[in-house]
Amino acid sequence: MTRVCVQCKEVLGEKCVRCGTEAVTIHADQQSNAHGGQEFKCHACGHRFRQGEGGETGGMCEPCFDAALRKAHEQEKAGRR
């Protein structure tokens, strides 16, 4: 599954569709790109898969998460007044 930030739409990485573990790239050459993108391998279960297998899942990148956290703190402070 491709992890995409729900706010800015930045691609965060790939997760194994079988177990949900963060996967690492094993091939990023022209041949694999011609057949549907990069190839990944899950360290937890050994499953090999192509980029995007299993669709997309949401997440939040660090800059968007930090901004949301700051906003929540500001709203909390404003509510206490």
PDB file of N, CA and C in Angstrom:
ATOM      1  N   MET A   1       0.844  -1.167   0.000  1.00  0.00           N
ATOM      2  CA  MET A   1       0.000   0.000   0.000  1.00  0.00           C
ATOM      3  C   MET A   1       0.892   1.233   0.000  1.00  0.00           C
ATOM      4  N   THR A   2       0.535   2.177  -0.822  1.00  0.00           N
ATOM      5  CA  THR A   2       1.271   3.429  -0.839  1.00  0.00           C
ATOM      6  C   THR A   2       0.723   4.333   0.255  1.00  0.00           C
ATOM      7  N   ARG A   3       1.608   4.823   1.137  1.00  0.00           N
ATOM      8  CA  ARG A   3       1.204   5.743   2.194  1.00  0.00           C
ATOM      9  C   ARG A   3       1.308   7.165   1.669  1.00  0.00           C
ATOM     10  N   VAL A   4       0.221   7.921   1.764  1.00  0.00           N
ATOM     11  CA  VAL A   4       0.142   9.286   1.255  1.00  0.00           C
ATOM     12  C   VAL A   4      -0.339  10.200   2.371  1.00  0.00           C
ATOM     13  N   CYS A   5       0.311  11.382   2.498  1.00  0.00           N
ATOM     14  CA  CYS A   5      -0.115  12.356   3.501  1.00  0.00           C
ATOM     15  C   CYS A   5      -1.516  12.845   3.164  1.00  0.00           C
ATOM     16  N   VAL A   6      -2.397  12.814   4.145  1.00  0.00           N
ATOM     17  CA  VAL A   6      -3.782  13.196   3.926  1.00  0.00           C
ATOM     18  C   VAL A   6      -3.948  14.699   3.715  1.00  0.00           C
ATOM     19  N   GLN A   7      -2.936  15.486   4.073  1.00  0.00           N
ATOM     20  CA  GLN A   7      -3.049  16.930   3.910  1.00  0.00           C
ATOM     21  C   GLN A   7      -2.344  17.434   2.657  1.00  0.00           C
ATOM     22  N   CYS A   8      -1.057  17.120   2.493  1.00  0.00           N
ATOM     23  CA  CYS A   8      -0.298  17.683   1.366  1.00  0.00           C
ATOM     24  C   CYS A   8      -0.126  16.712   0.201  1.00  0.00           C
ATOM     25  N   LYS A   9      -0.560  15.461   0.374  1.00  0.00           N
ATOM     26  CA  LYS A   9      -0.524  14.410  -0.660  1.00  0.00           C
ATOM     27  C   LYS A   9       0.881  13.923  -1.002  1.00  0.00           C
ATOM     28  N   GLU A  10       1.878  14.204  -0.140  1.00  0.00           N
ATOM     29  CA  GLU A  10       3.229  13.704  -0.343  1.00  0.00           C
ATOM     30  C   GLU A  10       3.240  12.192  -0.136  1.00  0.00           C
ATOM     31  N   VAL A  11       3.954  11.456  -0.996  1.00  0.00           N
ATOM     32  CA  VAL A  11       4.080  10.009  -0.831  1.00  0.00           C
ATOM     33  C   VAL A  11       5.085   9.758   0.295  1.00  0.00           C
ATOM     34  N   LEU A  12       4.633   9.033   1.316  1.00  0.00           N
ATOM     35  CA  LEU A  12       5.446   8.788   2.499  1.00  0.00           C
ATOM     36  C   LEU A  12       6.228   7.483   2.427  1.00  0.00           C
ATOM     37  N   GLY A  13       5.785   6.557   1.609  1.00  0.00           N
ATOM     38  CA  GLY A  13       6.451   5.271   1.503  1.00  0.00           C
ATOM     39  C   GLY A  13       5.467   4.165   1.208  1.00  0.00           C
ATOM     40  N   GLU A  14       5.930   2.961   1.383  1.00  0.00           N
ATOM     41  CA  GLU A  14       5.116   1.783   1.102  1.00  0.00           C
ATOM     42  C   GLU A  14       4.999   0.916   2.347  1.00  0.00           C
ATOM     43  N   LYS A  15       3.816   0.334   2.519  1.00  0.00           N
ATOM     44  CA  LYS A  15       3.580  -0.638   3.582  1.00  0.00           C
ATOM     45  C   LYS A  15       3.168  -1.949   2.935  1.00  0.00           C
ATOM     46  N   CYS A  16       3.569  -3.044   3.562  1.00  0.00           N
ATOM     47  CA  CYS A  16       3.215  -4.375   3.080  1.00  0.00           C
ATOM     48  C   CYS A  16       1.707  -4.565   3.181  1.00  0.00           C
ATOM     49  N   VAL A  17       1.107  -5.013   2.089  1.00  0.00           N
ATOM     50  CA  VAL A  17      -0.335  -5.241   2.064  1.00  0.00           C
ATOM     51  C   VAL A  17      -0.719  -6.449   2.924  1.00  0.00           C
ATOM     52  N   ARG A  18       0.212  -7.342   3.169  1.00  0.00           N
ATOM     53  CA  ARG A  18      -0.079  -8.539   3.975  1.00  0.00           C
ATOM     54  C   ARG A  18      -0.035  -8.269   5.473  1.00  0.00           C
ATOM     55  N   CYS A  19       1.024  -7.558   5.951  1.00  0.00           N
ATOM     56  CA  CYS A  19       1.171  -7.415   7.405  1.00  0.00           C
ATOM     57  C   CYS A  19       1.229  -5.964   7.882  1.00  0.00           C
ATOM     58  N   GLY A  20       1.327  -4.994   6.971  1.00  0.00           N
ATOM     59  CA  GLY A  20       1.310  -3.592   7.342  1.00  0.00           C
ATOM     60  C   GLY A  20       2.648  -2.999   7.748  1.00  0.00           C
ATOM     61  N   THR A  21       3.714  -3.771   7.646  1.00  0.00           N
ATOM     62  CA  THR A  21       5.044  -3.295   8.014  1.00  0.00           C
ATOM     63  C   THR A  21       5.610  -2.389   6.927  1.00  0.00           C
ATOM     64  N   GLU A  22       6.379  -1.371   7.340  1.00  0.00           N
ATOM     65  CA  GLU A  22       7.060  -0.476   6.400  1.00  0.00           C
ATOM     66  C   GLU A  22       8.013  -1.321   5.540  1.00  0.00           C
ATOM     67  N   ALA A  23       7.960  -1.129   4.241  1.00  0.00           N
ATOM     68  CA  ALA A  23       8.773  -1.914   3.319  1.00  0.00           C
ATOM     69  C   ALA A  23       9.911  -1.071   2.752  1.00  0.00           C
ATOM     70  N   VAL A  24      10.939  -1.728   2.244  1.00  0.00           N
ATOM     71  CA  VAL A  24      12.080  -1.039   1.654  1.00  0.00           C
ATOM     72  C   VAL A  24      12.187  -1.370   0.178  1.00  0.00           C
ATOM     73  N   THR A  25      12.727  -0.422  -0.589  1.00  0.00           N
ATOM     74  CA  THR A  25      12.913  -0.614  -2.021  1.00  0.00           C
ATOM     75  C   THR A  25      13.987  -1.657  -2.267  1.00  0.00           C
ATOM     76  N   ILE A  26      13.717  -2.581  -3.188  1.00  0.00           N
ATOM     77  CA  ILE A  26      14.756  -3.532  -3.573  1.00  0.00           C
ATOM     78  C   ILE A  26      15.174  -3.353  -5.021  1.00  0.00           C
ATOM     79  N   HIS A  27      14.304  -2.763  -5.857  1.00  0.00           N
ATOM     80  CA  HIS A  27      14.653  -2.496  -7.253  1.00  0.00           C
ATOM     81  C   HIS A  27      14.071  -1.160  -7.667  1.00  0.00           C
ATOM     82  N   ALA A  28      14.887  -0.340  -8.300  1.00  0.00           N
ATOM     83  CA  ALA A  28      14.396   0.937  -8.822  1.00  0.00           C
ATOM     84  C   ALA A  28      15.030   1.198 -10.185  1.00  0.00           C
ATOM     85  N   ASP A  29      15.192   0.151 -10.963  1.00  0.00           N
ATOM     86  CA  ASP A  29      15.827   0.318 -12.271  1.00  0.00           C
ATOM     87  C   ASP A  29      14.791   0.498 -13.370  1.00  0.00           C
ATOM     88  N   GLN A  30      15.257   0.730 -14.590  1.00  0.00           N
ATOM     89  CA  GLN A  30      14.340   0.989 -15.701  1.00  0.00           C
ATOM     90  C   GLN A  30      13.454  -0.202 -15.995  1.00  0.00           C
ATOM     91  N   GLN A  31      13.967  -1.399 -15.866  1.00  0.00           N
ATOM     92  CA  GLN A  31      13.166  -2.589 -16.152  1.00  0.00           C
ATOM     93  C   GLN A  31      11.988  -2.700 -15.195  1.00  0.00           C
ATOM     94  N   SER A  32      12.235  -2.494 -13.888  1.00  0.00           N
ATOM     95  CA  SER A  32      11.118  -2.602 -12.945  1.00  0.00           C
ATOM     96  C   SER A  32      10.149  -1.441 -13.106  1.00  0.00           C
ATOM     97  N   ASN A  33      10.654  -0.243 -13.455  1.00  0.00           N
ATOM     98  CA  ASN A  33       9.772   0.901 -13.683  1.00  0.00           C
ATOM     99  C   ASN A  33       8.878   0.669 -14.887  1.00  0.00           C
ATOM    100  N   ALA A  34       9.369  -0.047 -15.890  1.00  0.00           N
ATOM    101  CA  ALA A  34       8.581  -0.341 -17.085  1.00  0.00           C
ATOM    102  C   ALA A  34       7.448  -1.314 -16.779  1.00  0.00           C
ATOM    103  N   HIS A  35       7.578  -2.068 -15.682  1.00  0.00           N
ATOM    104  CA  HIS A  35       6.563  -3.057 -15.324  1.00  0.00           C
ATOM    105  C   HIS A  35       5.721  -2.625 -14.133  1.00  0.00           C
ATOM    106  N   GLY A  36       5.572  -1.338 -13.913  1.00  0.00           N
ATOM    107  CA  GLY A  36       4.643  -0.898 -12.881  1.00  0.00           C
ATOM    108  C   GLY A  36       5.257  -0.242 -11.671  1.00  0.00           C
ATOM    109  N   GLY A  37       6.481   0.241 -11.742  1.00  0.00           N
ATOM    110  CA  GLY A  37       7.055   0.979 -10.626  1.00  0.00           C
ATOM    111  C   GLY A  37       8.102   0.199  -9.873  1.00  0.00           C
ATOM    112  N   GLN A  38       8.477   0.739  -8.732  1.00  0.00           N
ATOM    113  CA  GLN A  38       9.519   0.142  -7.922  1.00  0.00           C
ATOM    114  C   GLN A  38       9.040  -1.149  -7.272  1.00  0.00           C
ATOM    115  N   GLU A  39      10.004  -1.982  -6.935  1.00  0.00           N
ATOM    116  CA  GLU A  39       9.692  -3.220  -6.241  1.00  0.00           C
ATOM    117  C   GLU A  39      10.154  -3.090  -4.800  1.00  0.00           C
ATOM    118  N   PHE A  40       9.354  -3.618  -3.875  1.00  0.00           N
ATOM    119  CA  PHE A  40       9.629  -3.511  -2.446  1.00  0.00           C
ATOM    120  C   PHE A  40       9.643  -4.893  -1.807  1.00  0.00           C
ATOM    121  N   LYS A  41      10.293  -4.982  -0.636  1.00  0.00           N
ATOM    122  CA  LYS A  41      10.304  -6.226   0.132  1.00  0.00           C
ATOM    123  C   LYS A  41      10.010  -5.894   1.588  1.00  0.00           C
ATOM    124  N   CYS A  42       9.127  -6.668   2.168  1.00  0.00           N
ATOM    125  CA  CYS A  42       8.776  -6.513   3.578  1.00  0.00           C
ATOM    126  C   CYS A  42       9.762  -7.325   4.416  1.00  0.00           C
ATOM    127  N   HIS A  43      10.400  -6.673   5.386  1.00  0.00           N
ATOM    128  CA  HIS A  43      11.348  -7.381   6.253  1.00  0.00           C
ATOM    129  C   HIS A  43      10.649  -8.316   7.231  1.00  0.00           C
ATOM    130  N   ALA A  44       9.399  -8.022   7.569  1.00  0.00           N
ATOM    131  CA  ALA A  44       8.690  -8.834   8.560  1.00  0.00           C
ATOM    132  C   ALA A  44       8.224 -10.173   7.998  1.00  0.00           C
ATOM    133  N   CYS A  45       7.594 -10.148   6.816  1.00  0.00           N
ATOM    134  CA  CYS A  45       7.024 -11.396   6.292  1.00  0.00           C
ATOM    135  C   CYS A  45       7.665 -11.857   4.982  1.00  0.00           C
ATOM    136  N   GLY A  46       8.560 -11.045   4.404  1.00  0.00           N
ATOM    137  CA  GLY A  46       9.263 -11.444   3.186  1.00  0.00           C
ATOM    138  C   GLY A  46       8.492 -11.225   1.893  1.00  0.00           C
ATOM    139  N   HIS A  47       7.293 -10.677   1.979  1.00  0.00           N
ATOM    140  CA  HIS A  47       6.468 -10.442   0.789  1.00  0.00           C
ATOM    141  C   HIS A  47       7.127  -9.414  -0.121  1.00  0.00           C
ATOM    142  N   ARG A  48       7.208  -9.731  -1.407  1.00  0.00           N
ATOM    143  CA  ARG A  48       7.720  -8.798  -2.412  1.00  0.00           C
ATOM    144  C   ARG A  48       6.541  -8.258  -3.195  1.00  0.00           C
ATOM    145  N   PHE A  49       6.567  -6.952  -3.473  1.00  0.00           N
ATOM    146  CA  PHE A  49       5.440  -6.347  -4.173  1.00  0.00           C
ATOM    147  C   PHE A  49       5.863  -5.103  -4.925  1.00  0.00           C
ATOM    148  N   ARG A  50       5.029  -4.714  -5.850  1.00  0.00           N
ATOM    149  CA  ARG A  50       5.247  -3.504  -6.657  1.00  0.00           C
ATOM    150  C   ARG A  50       4.613  -2.302  -5.962  1.00  0.00           C
ATOM    151  N   GLN A  51       5.141  -1.132  -6.272  1.00  0.00           N
ATOM    152  CA  GLN A  51       4.619   0.111  -5.725  1.00  0.00           C
ATOM    153  C   GLN A  51       3.119   0.216  -5.976  1.00  0.00           C
ATOM    154  N   GLY A  52       2.370   0.559  -4.927  1.00  0.00           N
ATOM    155  CA  GLY A  52       0.941   0.755  -5.050  1.00  0.00           C
ATOM    156  C   GLY A  52       0.087  -0.485  -4.896  1.00  0.00           C
ATOM    157  N   GLU A  53       0.704  -1.661  -4.727  1.00  0.00           N
ATOM    158  CA  GLU A  53      -0.085  -2.880  -4.552  1.00  0.00           C
ATOM    159  C   GLU A  53      -0.949  -2.723  -3.307  1.00  0.00           C
ATOM    160  N   GLY A  54      -2.220  -2.938  -3.443  1.00  0.00           N
ATOM    161  CA  GLY A  54      -3.132  -2.805  -2.315  1.00  0.00           C
ATOM    162  C   GLY A  54      -3.751  -1.423  -2.185  1.00  0.00           C
ATOM    163  N   GLY A  55      -3.436  -0.526  -3.129  1.00  0.00           N
ATOM    164  CA  GLY A  55      -4.040   0.809  -3.116  1.00  0.00           C
ATOM    165  C   GLY A  55      -3.270   1.796  -2.272  1.00  0.00           C
ATOM    166  N   GLU A  56      -3.998   2.764  -1.723  1.00  0.00           N
ATOM    167  CA  GLU A  56      -3.401   3.827  -0.918  1.00  0.00           C
ATOM    168  C   GLU A  56      -3.957   3.806   0.492  1.00  0.00           C
ATOM    169  N   THR A  57      -3.145   4.270   1.422  1.00  0.00           N
ATOM    170  CA  THR A  57      -3.576   4.450   2.798  1.00  0.00           C
ATOM    171  C   THR A  57      -3.111   5.820   3.255  1.00  0.00           C
ATOM    172  N   GLY A  58      -3.858   6.423   4.124  1.00  0.00           N
ATOM    173  CA  GLY A  58      -3.530   7.755   4.593  1.00  0.00           C
ATOM    174  C   GLY A  58      -2.553   7.750   5.748  1.00  0.00           C
ATOM    175  N   GLY A  59      -1.894   8.851   5.896  1.00  0.00           N
ATOM    176  CA  GLY A  59      -0.966   9.085   6.987  1.00  0.00           C
ATOM    177  C   GLY A  59      -0.737  10.580   7.052  1.00  0.00           C
ATOM    178  N   MET A  60       0.245  10.996   7.804  1.00  0.00           N
ATOM    179  CA  MET A  60       0.551  12.415   7.869  1.00  0.00           C
ATOM    180  C   MET A  60       2.061  12.573   7.907  1.00  0.00           C
ATOM    181  N   CYS A  61       2.575  13.429   7.013  1.00  0.00           N
ATOM    182  CA  CYS A  61       4.009  13.680   7.001  1.00  0.00           C
ATOM    183  C   CYS A  61       4.378  14.515   8.225  1.00  0.00           C
ATOM    184  N   GLU A  62       5.652  14.548   8.555  1.00  0.00           N
ATOM    185  CA  GLU A  62       6.098  15.241   9.749  1.00  0.00           C
ATOM    186  C   GLU A  62       5.766  16.737   9.747  1.00  0.00           C
ATOM    187  N   PRO A  63       5.998  17.470   8.638  1.00  0.00           N
ATOM    188  CA  PRO A  63       5.641  18.897   8.652  1.00  0.00           C
ATOM    189  C   PRO A  63       4.143  19.137   8.871  1.00  0.00           C
ATOM    190  N   CYS A  64       3.283  18.348   8.236  1.00  0.00           N
ATOM    191  CA  CYS A  64       1.841  18.508   8.420  1.00  0.00           C
ATOM    192  C   CYS A  64       1.423  18.124   9.834  1.00  0.00           C
ATOM    193  N   PHE A  65       2.035  17.074  10.383  1.00  0.00           N
ATOM    194  CA  PHE A  65       1.731  16.659  11.748  1.00  0.00           C
ATOM    195  C   PHE A  65       2.127  17.748  12.739  1.00  0.00           C
ATOM    196  N   ASP A  66       3.323  18.322  12.550  1.00  0.00           N
ATOM    197  CA  ASP A  66       3.785  19.393  13.437  1.00  0.00           C
ATOM    198  C   ASP A  66       2.854  20.598  13.373  1.00  0.00           C
ATOM    199  N   ALA A  67       2.412  20.964  12.177  1.00  0.00           N
ATOM    200  CA  ALA A  67       1.499  22.099  12.016  1.00  0.00           C
ATOM    201  C   ALA A  67       0.157  21.819  12.699  1.00  0.00           C
ATOM    202  N   ALA A  68      -0.358  20.607  12.563  1.00  0.00           N
ATOM    203  CA  ALA A  68      -1.623  20.238  13.196  1.00  0.00           C
ATOM    204  C   ALA A  68      -1.486  20.252  14.719  1.00  0.00           C
ATOM    205  N   LEU A  69      -0.348  19.799  15.213  1.00  0.00           N
ATOM    206  CA  LEU A  69      -0.104  19.789  16.654  1.00  0.00           C
ATOM    207  C   LEU A  69      -0.012  21.213  17.199  1.00  0.00           C
ATOM    208  N   ARG A  70       0.704  22.082  16.497  1.00  0.00           N
ATOM    209  CA  ARG A  70       0.792  23.494  16.904  1.00  0.00           C
ATOM    210  C   ARG A  70      -0.595  24.136  16.936  1.00  0.00           C
ATOM    211  N   LYS A  71      -1.383  23.871  15.909  1.00  0.00           N
ATOM    212  CA  LYS A  71      -2.733  24.445  15.827  1.00  0.00           C
ATOM    213  C   LYS A  71      -3.596  23.955  16.999  1.00  0.00           C
ATOM    214  N   ALA A  72      -3.499  22.685  17.329  1.00  0.00           N
ATOM    215  CA  ALA A  72      -4.270  22.136  18.443  1.00  0.00           C
ATOM    216  C   ALA A  72      -3.858  22.781  19.762  1.00  0.00           C
ATOM    217  N   HIS A  73      -2.550  22.988  19.953  1.00  0.00           N
ATOM    218  CA  HIS A  73      -2.073  23.638  21.175  1.00  0.00           C
ATOM    219  C   HIS A  73      -2.565  25.078  21.256  1.00  0.00           C
ATOM    220  N   GLU A  74      -2.547  25.781  20.116  1.00  0.00           N
ATOM    221  CA  GLU A  74      -3.027  27.162  20.085  1.00  0.00           C
ATOM    222  C   GLU A  74      -4.513  27.225  20.402  1.00  0.00           C
ATOM    223  N   GLN A  75      -5.278  26.293  19.858  1.00  0.00           N
ATOM    224  CA  GLN A  75      -6.719  26.264  20.125  1.00  0.00           C
ATOM    225  C   GLN A  75      -7.004  25.933  21.589  1.00  0.00           C
ATOM    226  N   GLU A  76      -6.204  25.059  22.162  1.00  0.00           N
ATOM    227  CA  GLU A  76      -6.371  24.711  23.568  1.00  0.00           C
ATOM    228  C   GLU A  76      -6.086  25.923  24.451  1.00  0.00           C
ATOM    229  N   LYS A  77      -5.022  26.645  24.156  1.00  0.00           N
ATOM    230  CA  LYS A  77      -4.680  27.846  24.928  1.00  0.00           C
ATOM    231  C   LYS A  77      -5.773  28.897  24.800  1.00  0.00           C
ATOM    232  N   ALA A  78      -6.307  29.085  23.598  1.00  0.00           N
ATOM    233  CA  ALA A  78      -7.366  30.072  23.363  1.00  0.00           C
ATOM    234  C   ALA A  78      -8.646  29.681  24.104  1.00  0.00           C
ATOM    235  N   GLY A  79      -8.896  28.394  24.245  1.00  0.00           N
ATOM    236  CA  GLY A  79     -10.080  27.913  24.936  1.00  0.00           C
ATOM    237  C   GLY A  79     -10.005  28.085  26.443  1.00  0.00           C
ATOM    238  N   ARG A  80      -8.811  28.161  26.965  1.00  0.00           N
ATOM    239  CA  ARG A  80      -8.615  28.322  28.415  1.00  0.00           C
ATOM    240  C   ARG A  80      -8.829  29.761  28.852  1.00  0.00           C
ATOM    241  N   ARG A  81      -8.776  30.679  27.943  1.00  0.00           N
ATOM    242  CA  ARG A  81      -8.895  32.108  28.283  1.00  0.00           C
ATOM    243  C   ARG A  81     -10.296  32.524  28.522  1.00  0.00           C
TER     244      ARG A  81
END
